[in-house]
Amino acid sequence: MLNIFAKYISYIFEPFTFSFLTLLLVITNLDLNLSDKSLWLILAIVLMGLPPLWVYFYEKRIGKIKDWFMTNRVERRDVQFAWFFGALLFSLTAGFFEAPRLLLALALTIFTLSLFISLITLYWKISVHMMGVTLFVTVAVLVQSPSLAWLFLLVPLVAWARIRLKAHTYLQAALGTLLTFTATYFTFTILG
């Protein structure tokens, strides 16, 4: 029963989904008109979202990736480098076209996380689920309202699920959380 609950938690708090929700949260808080917000949203999806999704679905189709969560560390490498490449492209685009500081902060945070997680994954497995939920919660608190700090309760829930399913160790979950919180907090404090 607990494993079923842990699986549902893992599916609900899937990292691609929560990264997208974080993007939506930032976009809705920009002081721009609807057409400019829509343009930045589309650019972010095309540049940051499509490269890793394309690589994931291609490698899943040819059998290089065995399961949705890429449980095997080696299966993650190409997807995470595509994520890094997309985050780099969006960060450069956001900087070149003078994106609002809040969006630039998100772009640089995701670029930083994609760089570190891609490099770490070459040698070790770190929890990208923890990255997704920690990014969303930290940005919600910093951008929307400190009164949303109760959302940090989701972090140990997701960590428990990933550890319960033996997808990660305590250390992998803790370092995914710590890396994400640190990168997000400092980037948004400086730029946001």
C-alpha atoms as a PDB file:
ATOM      1  CA  MET A   1       0.000   0.000   0.000  1.00  0.00           C
ATOM      2  CA  LEU A   2       2.772   2.457   0.904  1.00  0.00           C
ATOM      3  CA  ASN A   3       4.629   1.665  -2.332  1.00  0.00           C
ATOM      4  CA  ILE A   4       1.496   2.466  -4.344  1.00  0.00           C
ATOM      5  CA  PHE A   5       1.167   5.788  -2.500  1.00  0.00           C
ATOM      6  CA  ALA A   6       4.891   6.492  -3.128  1.00  0.00           C
ATOM      7  CA  LYS A   7       4.415   5.772  -6.861  1.00  0.00           C
ATOM      8  CA  TYR A   8       1.501   8.219  -7.037  1.00  0.00           C
ATOM      9  CA  ILE A   9       3.580  10.858  -5.266  1.00  0.00           C
ATOM     10  CA  SER A  10       6.406  10.266  -7.774  1.00  0.00           C
ATOM     11  CA  TYR A  11       4.059  10.638 -10.747  1.00  0.00           C
ATOM     12  CA  ILE A  12       2.305  13.714  -9.342  1.00  0.00           C
ATOM     13  CA  PHE A  13       5.589  15.480  -8.543  1.00  0.00           C
ATOM     14  CA  GLU A  14       7.298  14.552 -11.809  1.00  0.00           C
ATOM     15  CA  PRO A  15      10.210  16.984 -12.485  1.00  0.00           C
ATOM     16  CA  PHE A  16       9.212  18.099 -16.020  1.00  0.00           C
ATOM     17  CA  THR A  17       5.739  18.980 -14.756  1.00  0.00           C
ATOM     18  CA  PHE A  18       6.970  20.920 -11.760  1.00  0.00           C
ATOM     19  CA  SER A  19       9.577  22.784 -13.808  1.00  0.00           C
ATOM     20  CA  PHE A  20       6.750  23.816 -16.151  1.00  0.00           C
ATOM     21  CA  LEU A  21       4.593  24.908 -13.186  1.00  0.00           C
ATOM     22  CA  THR A  22       7.521  26.974 -11.923  1.00  0.00           C
ATOM     23  CA  LEU A  23       7.819  28.617 -15.334  1.00  0.00           C
ATOM     24  CA  LEU A  24       4.083  29.418 -15.291  1.00  0.00           C
ATOM     25  CA  LEU A  25       4.398  30.869 -11.794  1.00  0.00           C
ATOM     26  CA  VAL A  26       7.198  33.182 -12.892  1.00  0.00           C
ATOM     27  CA  ILE A  27       5.485  34.170 -16.169  1.00  0.00           C
ATOM     28  CA  THR A  28       2.246  35.093 -14.386  1.00  0.00           C
ATOM     29  CA  ASN A  29       4.211  37.340 -12.018  1.00  0.00           C
ATOM     30  CA  LEU A  30       5.925  39.309 -14.781  1.00  0.00           C
ATOM     31  CA  ASP A  31       4.904  42.911 -15.254  1.00  0.00           C
ATOM     32  CA  LEU A  32       4.222  42.411 -18.976  1.00  0.00           C
ATOM     33  CA  ASN A  33       1.184  42.394 -21.229  1.00  0.00           C
ATOM     34  CA  LEU A  34      -0.390  39.063 -22.145  1.00  0.00           C
ATOM     35  CA  SER A  35       1.204  38.847 -25.600  1.00  0.00           C
ATOM     36  CA  ASP A  36       4.717  39.394 -24.190  1.00  0.00           C
ATOM     37  CA  LYS A  37       4.091  36.839 -21.438  1.00  0.00           C
ATOM     38  CA  SER A  38       2.872  34.367 -24.062  1.00  0.00           C
ATOM     39  CA  LEU A  39       5.937  34.966 -26.224  1.00  0.00           C
ATOM     40  CA  TRP A  40       8.334  34.324 -23.324  1.00  0.00           C
ATOM     41  CA  LEU A  41       6.358  31.223 -22.335  1.00  0.00           C
ATOM     42  CA  ILE A  42       6.547  29.813 -25.864  1.00  0.00           C
ATOM     43  CA  LEU A  43      10.282  30.613 -26.110  1.00  0.00           C
ATOM     44  CA  ALA A  44      10.956  28.906 -22.783  1.00  0.00           C
ATOM     45  CA  ILE A  45       8.989  25.805 -23.762  1.00  0.00           C
ATOM     46  CA  VAL A  46      10.626  25.540 -27.196  1.00  0.00           C
ATOM     47  CA  LEU A  47      14.195  26.256 -26.046  1.00  0.00           C
ATOM     48  CA  MET A  48      14.259  24.675 -22.569  1.00  0.00           C
ATOM     49  CA  GLY A  49      11.511  22.084 -22.685  1.00  0.00           C
ATOM     50  CA  LEU A  50      11.593  20.529 -26.128  1.00  0.00           C
ATOM     51  CA  PRO A  51      15.270  19.449 -26.341  1.00  0.00           C
ATOM     52  CA  PRO A  52      15.189  17.103 -23.314  1.00  0.00           C
ATOM     53  CA  LEU A  53      11.684  15.856 -24.163  1.00  0.00           C
ATOM     54  CA  TRP A  54      12.681  15.102 -27.751  1.00  0.00           C
ATOM     55  CA  VAL A  55      15.792  13.197 -26.603  1.00  0.00           C
ATOM     56  CA  TYR A  56      13.781  11.354 -23.941  1.00  0.00           C
ATOM     57  CA  PHE A  57      11.054  10.171 -26.321  1.00  0.00           C
ATOM     58  CA  TYR A  58      13.539   9.298 -29.056  1.00  0.00           C
ATOM     59  CA  GLU A  59      15.711   7.236 -26.702  1.00  0.00           C
ATOM     60  CA  LYS A  60      12.621   5.622 -25.152  1.00  0.00           C
ATOM     61  CA  ARG A  61      11.442   4.620 -28.644  1.00  0.00           C
ATOM     62  CA  ILE A  62      14.764   3.031 -29.598  1.00  0.00           C
ATOM     63  CA  GLY A  63      15.006   1.230 -26.234  1.00  0.00           C
ATOM     64  CA  LYS A  64      17.908   3.176 -24.730  1.00  0.00           C
ATOM     65  CA  ILE A  65      15.647   4.386 -21.901  1.00  0.00           C
ATOM     66  CA  LYS A  66      13.698   1.647 -20.112  1.00  0.00           C
ATOM     67  CA  ASP A  67      11.327   3.503 -17.750  1.00  0.00           C
ATOM     68  CA  TRP A  68       9.667   6.912 -17.349  1.00  0.00           C
ATOM     69  CA  PHE A  69      11.813   7.938 -14.368  1.00  0.00           C
ATOM     70  CA  MET A  70      15.108   6.846 -15.952  1.00  0.00           C
ATOM     71  CA  THR A  71      15.963   4.843 -12.856  1.00  0.00           C
ATOM     72  CA  ASN A  72      19.270   3.763 -14.372  1.00  0.00           C
ATOM     73  CA  ARG A  73      21.737   6.659 -14.000  1.00  0.00           C
ATOM     74  CA  VAL A  74      23.366   6.025 -17.386  1.00  0.00           C
ATOM     75  CA  GLU A  75      19.996   6.467 -19.156  1.00  0.00           C
ATOM     76  CA  ARG A  76      19.772  10.033 -17.854  1.00  0.00           C
ATOM     77  CA  ARG A  77      22.947  11.385 -19.451  1.00  0.00           C
ATOM     78  CA  ASP A  78      21.674  12.367 -22.912  1.00  0.00           C
ATOM     79  CA  VAL A  79      18.399  13.779 -21.602  1.00  0.00           C
ATOM     80  CA  GLN A  80      20.197  15.872 -19.005  1.00  0.00           C
ATOM     81  CA  PHE A  81      22.721  17.201 -21.508  1.00  0.00           C
ATOM     82  CA  ALA A  82      19.815  18.155 -23.798  1.00  0.00           C
ATOM     83  CA  TRP A  83      18.278  19.895 -20.755  1.00  0.00           C
ATOM     84  CA  PHE A  84      21.587  21.718 -20.197  1.00  0.00           C
ATOM     85  CA  PHE A  85      21.778  22.723 -23.877  1.00  0.00           C
ATOM     86  CA  GLY A  86      18.167  23.992 -23.825  1.00  0.00           C
ATOM     87  CA  ALA A  87      18.699  25.898 -20.584  1.00  0.00           C
ATOM     88  CA  LEU A  88      21.834  27.477 -22.041  1.00  0.00           C
ATOM     89  CA  LEU A  89      19.950  28.522 -25.190  1.00  0.00           C
ATOM     90  CA  PHE A  90      17.108  30.043 -23.196  1.00  0.00           C
ATOM     91  CA  SER A  91      19.476  31.823 -20.790  1.00  0.00           C
ATOM     92  CA  LEU A  92      21.384  33.362 -23.700  1.00  0.00           C
ATOM     93  CA  THR A  93      18.123  34.342 -25.413  1.00  0.00           C
ATOM     94  CA  ALA A  94      16.733  35.840 -22.200  1.00  0.00           C
ATOM     95  CA  GLY A  95      19.937  37.824 -21.671  1.00  0.00           C
ATOM     96  CA  PHE A  96      20.208  38.984 -25.281  1.00  0.00           C
ATOM     97  CA  PHE A  97      16.581  40.160 -25.473  1.00  0.00           C
ATOM     98  CA  GLU A  98      16.693  41.688 -21.988  1.00  0.00           C
ATOM     99  CA  ALA A  99      14.056  39.486 -20.391  1.00  0.00           C
ATOM    100  CA  PRO A 100      12.533  40.719 -17.143  1.00  0.00           C
ATOM    101  CA  ARG A 101      14.868  40.052 -14.209  1.00  0.00           C
ATOM    102  CA  LEU A 102      12.530  37.481 -12.681  1.00  0.00           C
ATOM    103  CA  LEU A 103      12.519  35.400 -15.864  1.00  0.00           C
ATOM    104  CA  LEU A 104      16.261  35.814 -16.235  1.00  0.00           C
ATOM    105  CA  ALA A 105      16.653  34.581 -12.647  1.00  0.00           C
ATOM    106  CA  LEU A 106      14.653  31.451 -13.479  1.00  0.00           C
ATOM    107  CA  ALA A 107      16.603  30.879 -16.696  1.00  0.00           C
ATOM    108  CA  LEU A 108      19.944  31.165 -14.909  1.00  0.00           C
ATOM    109  CA  THR A 109      18.770  28.986 -12.030  1.00  0.00           C
ATOM    110  CA  ILE A 110      17.683  26.225 -14.396  1.00  0.00           C
ATOM    111  CA  PHE A 111      20.897  26.611 -16.398  1.00  0.00           C
ATOM    112  CA  THR A 112      22.968  26.285 -13.203  1.00  0.00           C
ATOM    113  CA  LEU A 113      20.975  23.279 -12.008  1.00  0.00           C
ATOM    114  CA  SER A 114      21.150  21.585 -15.406  1.00  0.00           C
ATOM    115  CA  LEU A 115      24.920  22.072 -15.508  1.00  0.00           C
ATOM    116  CA  PHE A 116      25.563  20.688 -12.030  1.00  0.00           C
ATOM    117  CA  ILE A 117      23.071  17.828 -12.302  1.00  0.00           C
ATOM    118  CA  SER A 118      24.377  16.817 -15.745  1.00  0.00           C
ATOM    119  CA  LEU A 119      27.956  16.731 -14.449  1.00  0.00           C
ATOM    120  CA  ILE A 120      27.026  14.914 -11.239  1.00  0.00           C
ATOM    121  CA  THR A 121      25.066  12.325 -13.232  1.00  0.00           C
ATOM    122  CA  LEU A 122      28.225  11.313 -15.077  1.00  0.00           C
ATOM    123  CA  TYR A 123      29.476   9.787 -11.809  1.00  0.00           C
ATOM    124  CA  TRP A 124      26.567   9.571  -9.393  1.00  0.00           C
ATOM    125  CA  LYS A 125      22.771   9.711  -9.266  1.00  0.00           C
ATOM    126  CA  ILE A 126      21.051  12.775  -7.804  1.00  0.00           C
ATOM    127  CA  SER A 127      17.309  13.224  -7.387  1.00  0.00           C
ATOM    128  CA  VAL A 128      15.785  15.337 -10.149  1.00  0.00           C
ATOM    129  CA  HIS A 129      12.383  14.864  -8.460  1.00  0.00           C
ATOM    130  CA  MET A 130      13.790  16.804  -5.516  1.00  0.00           C
ATOM    131  CA  MET A 131      15.058  19.466  -7.907  1.00  0.00           C
ATOM    132  CA  GLY A 132      11.580  19.886  -9.421  1.00  0.00           C
ATOM    133  CA  VAL A 133       9.642  20.176  -6.180  1.00  0.00           C
ATOM    134  CA  THR A 134      12.291  22.279  -4.402  1.00  0.00           C
ATOM    135  CA  LEU A 135      12.530  24.681  -7.339  1.00  0.00           C
ATOM    136  CA  PHE A 136       8.762  25.149  -7.439  1.00  0.00           C
ATOM    137  CA  VAL A 137       8.352  25.646  -3.687  1.00  0.00           C
ATOM    138  CA  THR A 138      11.340  27.988  -3.334  1.00  0.00           C
ATOM    139  CA  VAL A 139      10.235  30.142  -6.278  1.00  0.00           C
ATOM    140  CA  ALA A 140       6.658  30.227  -4.952  1.00  0.00           C
ATOM    141  CA  VAL A 141       7.891  31.528  -1.598  1.00  0.00           C
ATOM    142  CA  LEU A 142      10.333  34.048  -3.088  1.00  0.00           C
ATOM    143  CA  VAL A 143       8.135  35.309  -5.935  1.00  0.00           C
ATOM    144  CA  GLN A 144       4.549  34.864  -4.806  1.00  0.00           C
ATOM    145  CA  SER A 145       4.487  35.097  -1.009  1.00  0.00           C
ATOM    146  CA  PRO A 146       6.428  33.991   2.078  1.00  0.00           C
ATOM    147  CA  SER A 147       3.080  32.780   3.419  1.00  0.00           C
ATOM    148  CA  LEU A 148       3.473  29.825   1.015  1.00  0.00           C
ATOM    149  CA  ALA A 149       6.364  28.479   3.110  1.00  0.00           C
ATOM    150  CA  TRP A 150       4.067  25.654   4.229  1.00  0.00           C
ATOM    151  CA  LEU A 151       4.622  24.209   0.730  1.00  0.00           C
ATOM    152  CA  PHE A 152       8.091  23.158   1.910  1.00  0.00           C
ATOM    153  CA  LEU A 153       6.234  20.275   3.583  1.00  0.00           C
ATOM    154  CA  LEU A 154       5.992  18.762   0.099  1.00  0.00           C
ATOM    155  CA  VAL A 155       9.772  18.357  -0.040  1.00  0.00           C
ATOM    156  CA  PRO A 156      10.066  15.611   2.616  1.00  0.00           C
ATOM    157  CA  LEU A 157       6.954  13.918   1.185  1.00  0.00           C
ATOM    158  CA  VAL A 158       8.576  13.610  -2.252  1.00  0.00           C
ATOM    159  CA  ALA A 159      11.900  12.587  -0.679  1.00  0.00           C
ATOM    160  CA  TRP A 160      10.116   9.839   1.277  1.00  0.00           C
ATOM    161  CA  ALA A 161       8.446   8.553  -1.911  1.00  0.00           C
ATOM    162  CA  ARG A 162      11.686   8.427  -3.888  1.00  0.00           C
ATOM    163  CA  ILE A 163      13.524   6.715  -1.024  1.00  0.00           C
ATOM    164  CA  ARG A 164      10.618   4.318  -0.357  1.00  0.00           C
ATOM    165  CA  LEU A 165      10.676   3.220  -4.009  1.00  0.00           C
ATOM    166  CA  LYS A 166      14.451   2.742  -3.722  1.00  0.00           C
ATOM    167  CA  ALA A 167      14.924   5.173  -6.598  1.00  0.00           C
ATOM    168  CA  HIS A 168      17.280   7.259  -4.438  1.00  0.00           C
ATOM    169  CA  THR A 169      19.184   7.186  -1.180  1.00  0.00           C
ATOM    170  CA  TYR A 170      18.762   9.757   1.598  1.00  0.00           C
ATOM    171  CA  LEU A 171      21.946  11.460   0.435  1.00  0.00           C
ATOM    172  CA  GLN A 172      20.819  11.673  -3.218  1.00  0.00           C
ATOM    173  CA  ALA A 173      17.488  13.214  -2.164  1.00  0.00           C
ATOM    174  CA  ALA A 174      19.113  15.580   0.329  1.00  0.00           C
ATOM    175  CA  LEU A 175      21.750  16.822  -2.123  1.00  0.00           C
ATOM    176  CA  GLY A 176      19.157  17.315  -4.883  1.00  0.00           C
ATOM    177  CA  THR A 177      17.177  19.459  -2.443  1.00  0.00           C
ATOM    178  CA  LEU A 178      20.165  21.388  -1.094  1.00  0.00           C
ATOM    179  CA  LEU A 179      21.664  22.105  -4.515  1.00  0.00           C
ATOM    180  CA  THR A 180      18.324  23.353  -5.838  1.00  0.00           C
ATOM    181  CA  PHE A 181      17.449  25.472  -2.836  1.00  0.00           C
ATOM    182  CA  THR A 182      20.903  27.087  -2.790  1.00  0.00           C
ATOM    183  CA  ALA A 183      21.001  27.851  -6.521  1.00  0.00           C
ATOM    184  CA  THR A 184      17.416  29.145  -6.535  1.00  0.00           C
ATOM    185  CA  TYR A 185      17.702  31.259  -3.407  1.00  0.00           C
ATOM    186  CA  PHE A 186      20.945  32.968  -4.419  1.00  0.00           C
ATOM    187  CA  THR A 187      20.005  33.561  -8.056  1.00  0.00           C
ATOM    188  CA  PHE A 188      16.575  34.952  -7.208  1.00  0.00           C
ATOM    189  CA  THR A 189      17.982  37.049  -4.348  1.00  0.00           C
ATOM    190  CA  ILE A 190      20.542  38.608  -6.680  1.00  0.00           C
ATOM    191  CA  LEU A 191      18.370  38.993  -9.804  1.00  0.00           C
ATOM    192  CA  GLY A 192      14.749  38.619  -8.732  1.00  0.00           C
END
